[in-house]
Amino acid sequence: SIGTMNWYRQVPGKERELVATITSAGST
């Protein structure tokens, strides 16, 4: 099974940032 799925992004020298998330129920 697959639960929550996310996209992160990271720029050199910066912290990794959560861009978007979607739950198994489709909440974003």
mmCIF file of all heavy atoms, coordinates in Angstrom:
data_MODEL
# 
_entry.id   MODEL 
# 
loop_
_atom_site.group_PDB 
_atom_site.id 
_atom_site.type_symbol 
_atom_site.label_atom_id 
_atom_site.label_alt_id 
_atom_site.label_comp_id 
_atom_site.label_asym_id 
_atom_site.label_entity_id 
_atom_site.label_seq_id 
_atom_site.pdbx_PDB_ins_code 
_atom_site.Cartn_x 
_atom_site.Cartn_y 
_atom_site.Cartn_z 
_atom_site.occupancy 
_atom_site.B_iso_or_equiv 
_atom_site.pdbx_formal_charge 
_atom_site.auth_seq_id 
_atom_site.auth_comp_id 
_atom_site.auth_asym_id 
_atom_site.auth_atom_id 
_atom_site.pdbx_PDB_model_num 
ATOM 1   N N   . SER A 1 1  ? 0.838  -1.189 0.000  1.00 0.00 ? 1  SER A N   1 
ATOM 2   C CA  . SER A 1 1  ? 0.000  0.000  0.000  1.00 0.00 ? 1  SER A CA  1 
ATOM 3   C C   . SER A 1 1  ? 0.875  1.241  0.000  1.00 0.00 ? 1  SER A C   1 
ATOM 4   O O   . SER A 1 1  ? 2.040  1.201  0.393  1.00 0.00 ? 1  SER A O   1 
ATOM 5   C CB  . SER A 1 1  ? -0.951 0.023  1.197  1.00 0.00 ? 1  SER A CB  1 
ATOM 6   O OG  . SER A 1 1  ? -0.238 0.141  2.415  1.00 0.00 ? 1  SER A OG  1 
ATOM 7   N N   . ILE A 1 2  ? 0.289  2.355  -0.435 1.00 0.00 ? 2  ILE A N   1 
ATOM 8   C CA  . ILE A 1 2  ? 0.971  3.635  -0.492 1.00 0.00 ? 2  ILE A CA  1 
ATOM 9   C C   . ILE A 1 2  ? 0.184  4.648  0.320  1.00 0.00 ? 2  ILE A C   1 
ATOM 10  O O   . ILE A 1 2  ? -1.021 4.816  0.105  1.00 0.00 ? 2  ILE A O   1 
ATOM 11  C CB  . ILE A 1 2  ? 1.122  4.144  -1.933 1.00 0.00 ? 2  ILE A CB  1 
ATOM 12  C CG1 . ILE A 1 2  ? 1.866  3.115  -2.784 1.00 0.00 ? 2  ILE A CG1 1 
ATOM 13  C CG2 . ILE A 1 2  ? 1.835  5.493  -1.967 1.00 0.00 ? 2  ILE A CG2 1 
ATOM 14  C CD1 . ILE A 1 2  ? 1.984  3.494  -4.241 1.00 0.00 ? 2  ILE A CD1 1 
ATOM 15  N N   . GLY A 1 3  ? 0.859  5.304  1.226  1.00 0.00 ? 3  GLY A N   1 
ATOM 16  C CA  . GLY A 1 3  ? 0.223  6.333  2.028  1.00 0.00 ? 3  GLY A CA  1 
ATOM 17  C C   . GLY A 1 3  ? 0.456  7.706  1.445  1.00 0.00 ? 3  GLY A C   1 
ATOM 18  O O   . GLY A 1 3  ? 0.315  7.922  0.243  1.00 0.00 ? 3  GLY A O   1 
ATOM 19  N N   . THR A 1 4  ? 0.826  8.648  2.294  1.00 0.00 ? 4  THR A N   1 
ATOM 20  C CA  . THR A 1 4  ? 1.082  10.008 1.851  1.00 0.00 ? 4  THR A CA  1 
ATOM 21  C C   . THR A 1 4  ? 2.280  10.058 0.909  1.00 0.00 ? 4  THR A C   1 
ATOM 22  O O   . THR A 1 4  ? 3.286  9.381  1.129  1.00 0.00 ? 4  THR A O   1 
ATOM 23  C CB  . THR A 1 4  ? 1.331  10.922 3.056  1.00 0.00 ? 4  THR A CB  1 
ATOM 24  O OG1 . THR A 1 4  ? 0.150  10.962 3.859  1.00 0.00 ? 4  THR A OG1 1 
ATOM 25  C CG2 . THR A 1 4  ? 1.678  12.335 2.623  1.00 0.00 ? 4  THR A CG2 1 
ATOM 26  N N   . MET A 1 5  ? 2.176  10.875 -0.138 1.00 0.00 ? 5  MET A N   1 
ATOM 27  C CA  . MET A 1 5  ? 3.258  11.078 -1.083 1.00 0.00 ? 5  MET A CA  1 
ATOM 28  C C   . MET A 1 5  ? 3.578  12.565 -1.132 1.00 0.00 ? 5  MET A C   1 
ATOM 29  O O   . MET A 1 5  ? 2.682  13.406 -1.004 1.00 0.00 ? 5  MET A O   1 
ATOM 30  C CB  . MET A 1 5  ? 2.887  10.560 -2.472 1.00 0.00 ? 5  MET A CB  1 
ATOM 31  C CG  . MET A 1 5  ? 2.436  9.101  -2.469 1.00 0.00 ? 5  MET A CG  1 
ATOM 32  S SD  . MET A 1 5  ? 2.088  8.426  -4.114 1.00 0.00 ? 5  MET A SD  1 
ATOM 33  C CE  . MET A 1 5  ? 3.755  8.034  -4.658 1.00 0.00 ? 5  MET A CE  1 
ATOM 34  N N   . ASN A 1 6  ? 4.856  12.876 -1.310 1.00 0.00 ? 6  ASN A N   1 
ATOM 35  C CA  . ASN A 1 6  ? 5.315  14.255 -1.215 1.00 0.00 ? 6  ASN A CA  1 
ATOM 36  C C   . ASN A 1 6  ? 6.321  14.577 -2.313 1.00 0.00 ? 6  ASN A C   1 
ATOM 37  O O   . ASN A 1 6  ? 6.979  13.694 -2.864 1.00 0.00 ? 6  ASN A O   1 
ATOM 38  C CB  . ASN A 1 6  ? 6.015  14.518 0.123  1.00 0.00 ? 6  ASN A CB  1 
ATOM 39  C CG  . ASN A 1 6  ? 5.215  14.041 1.310  1.00 0.00 ? 6  ASN A CG  1 
ATOM 40  O OD1 . ASN A 1 6  ? 4.250  14.688 1.711  1.00 0.00 ? 6  ASN A OD1 1 
ATOM 41  N ND2 . ASN A 1 6  ? 5.611  12.912 1.890  1.00 0.00 ? 6  ASN A ND2 1 
ATOM 42  N N   . TRP A 1 7  ? 6.429  15.868 -2.597 1.00 0.00 ? 7  TRP A N   1 
ATOM 43  C CA  . TRP A 1 7  ? 7.524  16.404 -3.388 1.00 0.00 ? 7  TRP A CA  1 
ATOM 44  C C   . TRP A 1 7  ? 8.299  17.401 -2.538 1.00 0.00 ? 7  TRP A C   1 
ATOM 45  O O   . TRP A 1 7  ? 7.706  18.294 -1.930 1.00 0.00 ? 7  TRP A O   1 
ATOM 46  C CB  . TRP A 1 7  ? 7.023  17.105 -4.655 1.00 0.00 ? 7  TRP A CB  1 
ATOM 47  C CG  . TRP A 1 7  ? 6.582  16.166 -5.724 1.00 0.00 ? 7  TRP A CG  1 
ATOM 48  C CD1 . TRP A 1 7  ? 5.305  15.794 -6.023 1.00 0.00 ? 7  TRP A CD1 1 
ATOM 49  C CD2 . TRP A 1 7  ? 7.420  15.476 -6.657 1.00 0.00 ? 7  TRP A CD2 1 
ATOM 50  N NE1 . TRP A 1 7  ? 5.288  14.920 -7.072 1.00 0.00 ? 7  TRP A NE1 1 
ATOM 51  C CE2 . TRP A 1 7  ? 6.579  14.711 -7.486 1.00 0.00 ? 7  TRP A CE2 1 
ATOM 52  C CE3 . TRP A 1 7  ? 8.800  15.438 -6.877 1.00 0.00 ? 7  TRP A CE3 1 
ATOM 53  C CZ2 . TRP A 1 7  ? 7.070  13.911 -8.522 1.00 0.00 ? 7  TRP A CZ2 1 
ATOM 54  C CZ3 . TRP A 1 7  ? 9.287  14.640 -7.893 1.00 0.00 ? 7  TRP A CZ3 1 
ATOM 55  C CH2 . TRP A 1 7  ? 8.430  13.890 -8.706 1.00 0.00 ? 7  TRP A CH2 1 
ATOM 56  N N   . TYR A 1 8  ? 9.613  17.223 -2.504 1.00 0.00 ? 8  TYR A N   1 
ATOM 57  C CA  . TYR A 1 8  ? 10.534 18.145 -1.866 1.00 0.00 ? 8  TYR A CA  1 
ATOM 58  C C   . TYR A 1 8  ? 11.448 18.736 -2.928 1.00 0.00 ? 8  TYR A C   1 
ATOM 59  O O   . TYR A 1 8  ? 11.566 18.202 -4.034 1.00 0.00 ? 8  TYR A O   1 
ATOM 60  C CB  . TYR A 1 8  ? 11.398 17.439 -0.828 1.00 0.00 ? 8  TYR A CB  1 
ATOM 61  C CG  . TYR A 1 8  ? 10.711 17.054 0.466  1.00 0.00 ? 8  TYR A CG  1 
ATOM 62  C CD1 . TYR A 1 8  ? 9.882  15.944 0.536  1.00 0.00 ? 8  TYR A CD1 1 
ATOM 63  C CD2 . TYR A 1 8  ? 10.922 17.793 1.625  1.00 0.00 ? 8  TYR A CD2 1 
ATOM 64  C CE1 . TYR A 1 8  ? 9.269  15.576 1.718  1.00 0.00 ? 8  TYR A CE1 1 
ATOM 65  C CE2 . TYR A 1 8  ? 10.316 17.435 2.820  1.00 0.00 ? 8  TYR A CE2 1 
ATOM 66  C CZ  . TYR A 1 8  ? 9.496  16.325 2.859  1.00 0.00 ? 8  TYR A CZ  1 
ATOM 67  O OH  . TYR A 1 8  ? 8.902  15.968 4.047  1.00 0.00 ? 8  TYR A OH  1 
ATOM 68  N N   . ARG A 1 9  ? 12.118 19.834 -2.583 1.00 0.00 ? 9  ARG A N   1 
ATOM 69  C CA  . ARG A 1 9  ? 13.146 20.371 -3.459 1.00 0.00 ? 9  ARG A CA  1 
ATOM 70  C C   . ARG A 1 9  ? 14.283 20.929 -2.615 1.00 0.00 ? 9  ARG A C   1 
ATOM 71  O O   . ARG A 1 9  ? 14.091 21.307 -1.464 1.00 0.00 ? 9  ARG A O   1 
ATOM 72  C CB  . ARG A 1 9  ? 12.603 21.441 -4.398 1.00 0.00 ? 9  ARG A CB  1 
ATOM 73  C CG  . ARG A 1 9  ? 12.148 22.721 -3.723 1.00 0.00 ? 9  ARG A CG  1 
ATOM 74  C CD  . ARG A 1 9  ? 11.504 23.656 -4.746 1.00 0.00 ? 9  ARG A CD  1 
ATOM 75  N NE  . ARG A 1 9  ? 11.075 24.914 -4.157 1.00 0.00 ? 9  ARG A NE  1 
ATOM 76  C CZ  . ARG A 1 9  ? 10.355 25.827 -4.795 1.00 0.00 ? 9  ARG A CZ  1 
ATOM 77  N NH1 . ARG A 1 9  ? 9.981  25.620 -6.059 1.00 0.00 ? 9  ARG A NH1 1 
ATOM 78  N NH2 . ARG A 1 9  ? 10.013 26.951 -4.176 1.00 0.00 ? 9  ARG A NH2 1 
ATOM 79  N N   . GLN A 1 10 ? 15.463 20.970 -3.221 1.00 0.00 ? 10 GLN A N   1 
ATOM 80  C CA  . GLN A 1 10 ? 16.630 21.452 -2.503 1.00 0.00 ? 10 GLN A CA  1 
ATOM 81  C C   . GLN A 1 10 ? 17.565 22.193 -3.442 1.00 0.00 ? 10 GLN A C   1 
ATOM 82  O O   . GLN A 1 10 ? 17.875 21.712 -4.534 1.00 0.00 ? 10 GLN A O   1 
ATOM 83  C CB  . GLN A 1 10 ? 17.376 20.301 -1.836 1.00 0.00 ? 10 GLN A CB  1 
ATOM 84  C CG  . GLN A 1 10 ? 18.498 20.738 -0.906 1.00 0.00 ? 10 GLN A CG  1 
ATOM 85  C CD  . GLN A 1 10 ? 18.989 19.612 -0.022 1.00 0.00 ? 10 GLN A CD  1 
ATOM 86  O OE1 . GLN A 1 10 ? 18.914 18.443 -0.399 1.00 0.00 ? 10 GLN A OE1 1 
ATOM 87  N NE2 . GLN A 1 10 ? 19.492 19.948 1.152  1.00 0.00 ? 10 GLN A NE2 1 
ATOM 88  N N   . VAL A 1 11 ? 18.003 23.364 -3.004 1.00 0.00 ? 11 VAL A N   1 
ATOM 89  C CA  . VAL A 1 11 ? 18.988 24.173 -3.700 1.00 0.00 ? 11 VAL A CA  1 
ATOM 90  C C   . VAL A 1 11 ? 20.312 24.018 -2.958 1.00 0.00 ? 11 VAL A C   1 
ATOM 91  O O   . VAL A 1 11 ? 20.323 23.964 -1.722 1.00 0.00 ? 11 VAL A O   1 
ATOM 92  C CB  . VAL A 1 11 ? 18.559 25.653 -3.736 1.00 0.00 ? 11 VAL A CB  1 
ATOM 93  C CG1 . VAL A 1 11 ? 19.617 26.517 -4.392 1.00 0.00 ? 11 VAL A CG1 1 
ATOM 94  C CG2 . VAL A 1 11 ? 17.224 25.800 -4.450 1.00 0.00 ? 11 VAL A CG2 1 
ATOM 95  N N   . PRO A 1 12 ? 21.434 23.951 -3.668 1.00 0.00 ? 12 PRO A N   1 
ATOM 96  C CA  . PRO A 1 12 ? 22.718 23.847 -2.977 1.00 0.00 ? 12 PRO A CA  1 
ATOM 97  C C   . PRO A 1 12 ? 22.893 24.923 -1.925 1.00 0.00 ? 12 PRO A C   1 
ATOM 98  O O   . PRO A 1 12 ? 22.647 26.107 -2.186 1.00 0.00 ? 12 PRO A O   1 
ATOM 99  C CB  . PRO A 1 12 ? 23.739 24.010 -4.110 1.00 0.00 ? 12 PRO A CB  1 
ATOM 100 C CG  . PRO A 1 12 ? 23.029 23.476 -5.311 1.00 0.00 ? 12 PRO A CG  1 
ATOM 101 C CD  . PRO A 1 12 ? 21.593 23.898 -5.130 1.00 0.00 ? 12 PRO A CD  1 
ATOM 102 N N   . GLY A 1 13 ? 23.285 24.514 -0.725 1.00 0.00 ? 13 GLY A N   1 
ATOM 103 C CA  . GLY A 1 13 ? 23.472 25.443 0.371  1.00 0.00 ? 13 GLY A CA  1 
ATOM 104 C C   . GLY A 1 13 ? 22.222 25.774 1.151  1.00 0.00 ? 13 GLY A C   1 
ATOM 105 O O   . GLY A 1 13 ? 22.299 26.498 2.147  1.00 0.00 ? 13 GLY A O   1 
ATOM 106 N N   . LYS A 1 14 ? 21.072 25.261 0.712  1.00 0.00 ? 14 LYS A N   1 
ATOM 107 C CA  . LYS A 1 14 ? 19.806 25.531 1.385  1.00 0.00 ? 14 LYS A CA  1 
ATOM 108 C C   . LYS A 1 14 ? 19.218 24.238 1.948  1.00 0.00 ? 14 LYS A C   1 
ATOM 109 O O   . LYS A 1 14 ? 19.580 23.132 1.538  1.00 0.00 ? 14 LYS A O   1 
ATOM 110 C CB  . LYS A 1 14 ? 18.806 26.174 0.419  1.00 0.00 ? 14 LYS A CB  1 
ATOM 111 C CG  . LYS A 1 14 ? 19.279 27.474 -0.219 1.00 0.00 ? 14 LYS A CG  1 
ATOM 112 C CD  . LYS A 1 14 ? 19.325 28.601 0.788  1.00 0.00 ? 14 LYS A CD  1 
ATOM 113 C CE  . LYS A 1 14 ? 19.750 29.902 0.109  1.00 0.00 ? 14 LYS A CE  1 
ATOM 114 N NZ  . LYS A 1 14 ? 18.760 30.353 -0.880 1.00 0.00 ? 14 LYS A NZ  1 
ATOM 115 N N   . GLU A 1 15 ? 18.304 24.404 2.889  1.00 0.00 ? 15 GLU A N   1 
ATOM 116 C CA  . GLU A 1 15 ? 17.616 23.257 3.462  1.00 0.00 ? 15 GLU A CA  1 
ATOM 117 C C   . GLU A 1 15 ? 16.618 22.685 2.469  1.00 0.00 ? 15 GLU A C   1 
ATOM 118 O O   . GLU A 1 15 ? 16.067 23.391 1.628  1.00 0.00 ? 15 GLU A O   1 
ATOM 119 C CB  . GLU A 1 15 ? 16.894 23.658 4.743  1.00 0.00 ? 15 GLU A CB  1 
ATOM 120 C CG  . GLU A 1 15 ? 17.802 24.087 5.873  1.00 0.00 ? 15 GLU A CG  1 
ATOM 121 C CD  . GLU A 1 15 ? 17.039 24.402 7.143  1.00 0.00 ? 15 GLU A CD  1 
ATOM 122 O OE1 . GLU A 1 15 ? 15.796 24.499 7.088  1.00 0.00 ? 15 GLU A OE1 1 
ATOM 123 O OE2 . GLU A 1 15 ? 17.683 24.544 8.197  1.00 0.00 ? 15 GLU A OE2 1 
ATOM 124 N N   . ARG A 1 16 ? 16.398 21.381 2.574  1.00 0.00 ? 16 ARG A N   1 
ATOM 125 C CA  . ARG A 1 16 ? 15.393 20.740 1.745  1.00 0.00 ? 16 ARG A CA  1 
ATOM 126 C C   . ARG A 1 16 ? 14.007 21.242 2.152  1.00 0.00 ? 16 ARG A C   1 
ATOM 127 O O   . ARG A 1 16 ? 13.675 21.293 3.340  1.00 0.00 ? 16 ARG A O   1 
ATOM 128 C CB  . ARG A 1 16 ? 15.485 19.226 1.880  1.00 0.00 ? 16 ARG A CB  1 
ATOM 129 C CG  . ARG A 1 16 ? 14.612 18.465 0.893  1.00 0.00 ? 16 ARG A CG  1 
ATOM 130 C CD  . ARG A 1 16 ? 14.958 16.980 0.855  1.00 0.00 ? 16 ARG A CD  1 
ATOM 131 N NE  . ARG A 1 16 ? 16.309 16.750 0.365  1.00 0.00 ? 16 ARG A NE  1 
ATOM 132 C CZ  . ARG A 1 16 ? 16.814 15.548 0.103  1.00 0.00 ? 16 ARG A CZ  1 
ATOM 133 N NH1 . ARG A 1 16 ? 16.080 14.465 0.295  1.00 0.00 ? 16 ARG A NH1 1 
ATOM 134 N NH2 . ARG A 1 16 ? 18.060 15.431 -0.334 1.00 0.00 ? 16 ARG A NH2 1 
ATOM 135 N N   . GLU A 1 17 ? 13.194 21.581 1.168  1.00 0.00 ? 17 GLU A N   1 
ATOM 136 C CA  . GLU A 1 17 ? 11.908 22.215 1.379  1.00 0.00 ? 17 GLU A CA  1 
ATOM 137 C C   . GLU A 1 17 ? 10.778 21.307 0.914  1.00 0.00 ? 17 GLU A C   1 
ATOM 138 O O   . GLU A 1 17 ? 10.823 20.756 -0.183 1.00 0.00 ? 17 GLU A O   1 
ATOM 139 C CB  . GLU A 1 17 ? 11.848 23.546 0.606  1.00 0.00 ? 17 GLU A CB  1 
ATOM 140 C CG  . GLU A 1 17 ? 10.497 24.238 0.615  1.00 0.00 ? 17 GLU A CG  1 
ATOM 141 C CD  . GLU A 1 17 ? 10.415 25.394 -0.360 1.00 0.00 ? 17 GLU A CD  1 
ATOM 142 O OE1 . GLU A 1 17 ? 11.249 25.450 -1.298 1.00 0.00 ? 17 GLU A OE1 1 
ATOM 143 O OE2 . GLU A 1 17 ? 9.531  26.251 -0.196 1.00 0.00 ? 17 GLU A OE2 1 
ATOM 144 N N   . LEU A 1 18 ? 9.757  21.173 1.742  1.00 0.00 ? 18 LEU A N   1 
ATOM 145 C CA  . LEU A 1 18 ? 8.556  20.450 1.334  1.00 0.00 ? 18 LEU A CA  1 
ATOM 146 C C   . LEU A 1 18 ? 7.743  21.336 0.398  1.00 0.00 ? 18 LEU A C   1 
ATOM 147 O O   . LEU A 1 18 ? 7.308  22.420 0.781  1.00 0.00 ? 18 LEU A O   1 
ATOM 148 C CB  . LEU A 1 18 ? 7.722  20.057 2.552  1.00 0.00 ? 18 LEU A CB  1 
ATOM 149 C CG  . LEU A 1 18 ? 6.390  19.361 2.271  1.00 0.00 ? 18 LEU A CG  1 
ATOM 150 C CD1 . LEU A 1 18 ? 6.601  18.042 1.539  1.00 0.00 ? 18 LEU A CD1 1 
ATOM 151 C CD2 . LEU A 1 18 ? 5.625  19.126 3.574  1.00 0.00 ? 18 LEU A CD2 1 
ATOM 152 N N   . VAL A 1 19 ? 7.530  20.862 -0.814 1.00 0.00 ? 19 VAL A N   1 
ATOM 153 C CA  . VAL A 1 19 ? 6.828  21.627 -1.838 1.00 0.00 ? 19 VAL A CA  1 
ATOM 154 C C   . VAL A 1 19 ? 5.336  21.322 -1.839 1.00 0.00 ? 19 VAL A C   1 
ATOM 155 O O   . VAL A 1 19 ? 4.501  22.227 -1.897 1.00 0.00 ? 19 VAL A O   1 
ATOM 156 C CB  . VAL A 1 19 ? 7.428  21.349 -3.228 1.00 0.00 ? 19 VAL A CB  1 
ATOM 157 C CG1 . VAL A 1 19 ? 6.622  22.049 -4.320 1.00 0.00 ? 19 VAL A CG1 1 
ATOM 158 C CG2 . VAL A 1 19 ? 8.889  21.789 -3.269 1.00 0.00 ? 19 VAL A CG2 1 
ATOM 159 N N   . ALA A 1 20 ? 5.007  20.038 -1.808 1.00 0.00 ? 20 ALA A N   1 
ATOM 160 C CA  . ALA A 1 20 ? 3.609  19.628 -1.891 1.00 0.00 ? 20 ALA A CA  1 
ATOM 161 C C   . ALA A 1 20 ? 3.438  18.249 -1.294 1.00 0.00 ? 20 ALA A C   1 
ATOM 162 O O   . ALA A 1 20 ? 4.368  17.432 -1.308 1.00 0.00 ? 20 ALA A O   1 
ATOM 163 C CB  . ALA A 1 20 ? 3.120  19.627 -3.342 1.00 0.00 ? 20 ALA A CB  1 
ATOM 164 N N   . THR A 1 21 ? 2.254  17.978 -0.778 1.00 0.00 ? 21 THR A N   1 
ATOM 165 C CA  . THR A 1 21 ? 1.959  16.683 -0.199 1.00 0.00 ? 21 THR A CA  1 
ATOM 166 C C   . THR A 1 21 ? 0.538  16.276 -0.570 1.00 0.00 ? 21 THR A C   1 
ATOM 167 O O   . THR A 1 21 ? -0.339 17.129 -0.739 1.00 0.00 ? 21 THR A O   1 
ATOM 168 C CB  . THR A 1 21 ? 2.132  16.714 1.339  1.00 0.00 ? 21 THR A CB  1 
ATOM 169 O OG1 . THR A 1 21 ? 1.932  15.409 1.880  1.00 0.00 ? 21 THR A OG1 1 
ATOM 170 C CG2 . THR A 1 21 ? 1.149  17.679 1.980  1.00 0.00 ? 21 THR A CG2 1 
ATOM 171 N N   . ILE A 1 22 ? 0.325  14.977 -0.703 1.00 0.00 ? 22 ILE A N   1 
ATOM 172 C CA  . ILE A 1 22 ? -1.002 14.456 -0.998 1.00 0.00 ? 22 ILE A CA  1 
ATOM 173 C C   . ILE A 1 22 ? -1.199 13.166 -0.213 1.00 0.00 ? 22 ILE A C   1 
ATOM 174 O O   . ILE A 1 22 ? -0.359 12.270 -0.234 1.00 0.00 ? 22 ILE A O   1 
ATOM 175 C CB  . ILE A 1 22 ? -1.206 14.238 -2.518 1.00 0.00 ? 22 ILE A CB  1 
ATOM 176 C CG1 . ILE A 1 22 ? -2.633 13.750 -2.810 1.00 0.00 ? 22 ILE A CG1 1 
ATOM 177 C CG2 . ILE A 1 22 ? -0.169 13.282 -3.094 1.00 0.00 ? 22 ILE A CG2 1 
ATOM 178 C CD1 . ILE A 1 22 ? -2.991 13.812 -4.293 1.00 0.00 ? 22 ILE A CD1 1 
ATOM 179 N N   . THR A 1 23 ? -2.305 13.074 0.504  1.00 0.00 ? 23 THR A N   1 
ATOM 180 C CA  . THR A 1 23 ? -2.597 11.895 1.297  1.00 0.00 ? 23 THR A CA  1 
ATOM 181 C C   . THR A 1 23 ? -3.231 10.819 0.438  1.00 0.00 ? 23 THR A C   1 
ATOM 182 O O   . THR A 1 23 ? -3.593 11.036 -0.720 1.00 0.00 ? 23 THR A O   1 
ATOM 183 C CB  . THR A 1 23 ? -3.539 12.233 2.459  1.00 0.00 ? 23 THR A CB  1 
ATOM 184 O OG1 . THR A 1 23 ? -4.840 12.533 1.940  1.00 0.00 ? 23 THR A OG1 1 
ATOM 185 C CG2 . THR A 1 23 ? -3.021 13.414 3.260  1.00 0.00 ? 23 THR A CG2 1 
ATOM 186 N N   . SER A 1 24 ? -3.384 9.636  1.014  1.00 0.00 ? 24 SER A N   1 
ATOM 187 C CA  . SER A 1 24 ? -4.021 8.543  0.295  1.00 0.00 ? 24 SER A CA  1 
ATOM 188 C C   . SER A 1 24 ? -5.476 8.856  -0.037 1.00 0.00 ? 24 SER A C   1 
ATOM 189 O O   . SER A 1 24 ? -6.027 8.294  -0.990 1.00 0.00 ? 24 SER A O   1 
ATOM 190 C CB  . SER A 1 24 ? -3.937 7.251  1.103  1.00 0.00 ? 24 SER A CB  1 
ATOM 191 O OG  . SER A 1 24 ? -4.559 7.392  2.369  1.00 0.00 ? 24 SER A OG  1 
ATOM 192 N N   . ALA A 1 25 ? -6.087 9.745  0.737  1.00 0.00 ? 25 ALA A N   1 
ATOM 193 C CA  . ALA A 1 25 ? -7.461 10.168 0.480  1.00 0.00 ? 25 ALA A CA  1 
ATOM 194 C C   . ALA A 1 25 ? -7.557 11.306 -0.522 1.00 0.00 ? 25 ALA A C   1 
ATOM 195 O O   . ALA A 1 25 ? -8.664 11.705 -0.893 1.00 0.00 ? 25 ALA A O   1 
ATOM 196 C CB  . ALA A 1 25 ? -8.136 10.572 1.786  1.00 0.00 ? 25 ALA A CB  1 
ATOM 197 N N   . GLY A 1 26 ? -6.406 11.857 -0.940 1.00 0.00 ? 26 GLY A N   1 
ATOM 198 C CA  . GLY A 1 26 ? -6.404 12.904 -1.939 1.00 0.00 ? 26 GLY A CA  1 
ATOM 199 C C   . GLY A 1 26 ? -6.319 14.319 -1.406 1.00 0.00 ? 26 GLY A C   1 
ATOM 200 O O   . GLY A 1 26 ? -6.384 15.269 -2.196 1.00 0.00 ? 26 GLY A O   1 
ATOM 201 N N   . SER A 1 27 ? -6.171 14.496 -0.103 1.00 0.00 ? 27 SER A N   1 
ATOM 202 C CA  . SER A 1 27 ? -6.012 15.833 0.456  1.00 0.00 ? 27 SER A CA  1 
ATOM 203 C C   . SER A 1 27 ? -4.635 16.381 0.108  1.00 0.00 ? 27 SER A C   1 
ATOM 204 O O   . SER A 1 27 ? -3.638 15.664 0.197  1.00 0.00 ? 27 SER A O   1 
ATOM 205 C CB  . SER A 1 27 ? -6.189 15.812 1.964  1.00 0.00 ? 27 SER A CB  1 
ATOM 206 O OG  . SER A 1 27 ? -7.492 15.392 2.313  1.00 0.00 ? 27 SER A OG  1 
ATOM 207 N N   . THR A 1 28 ? -4.571 17.650 -0.271 1.00 0.00 ? 28 THR A N   1 
ATOM 208 C CA  . THR A 1 28 ? -3.318 18.258 -0.719 1.00 0.00 ? 28 THR A CA  1 
ATOM 209 C C   . THR A 1 28 ? -2.963 19.484 0.098  1.00 0.00 ? 28 THR A C   1 
ATOM 210 O O   . THR A 1 28 ? -3.833 20.176 0.628  1.00 0.00 ? 28 THR A O   1 
ATOM 211 C CB  . THR A 1 28 ? -3.395 18.659 -2.201 1.00 0.00 ? 28 THR A CB  1 
ATOM 212 O OG1 . THR A 1 28 ? -4.468 19.596 -2.383 1.00 0.00 ? 28 THR A OG1 1 
ATOM 213 C CG2 . THR A 1 28 ? -3.648 17.443 -3.074 1.00 0.00 ? 28 THR A CG2 1 
# 
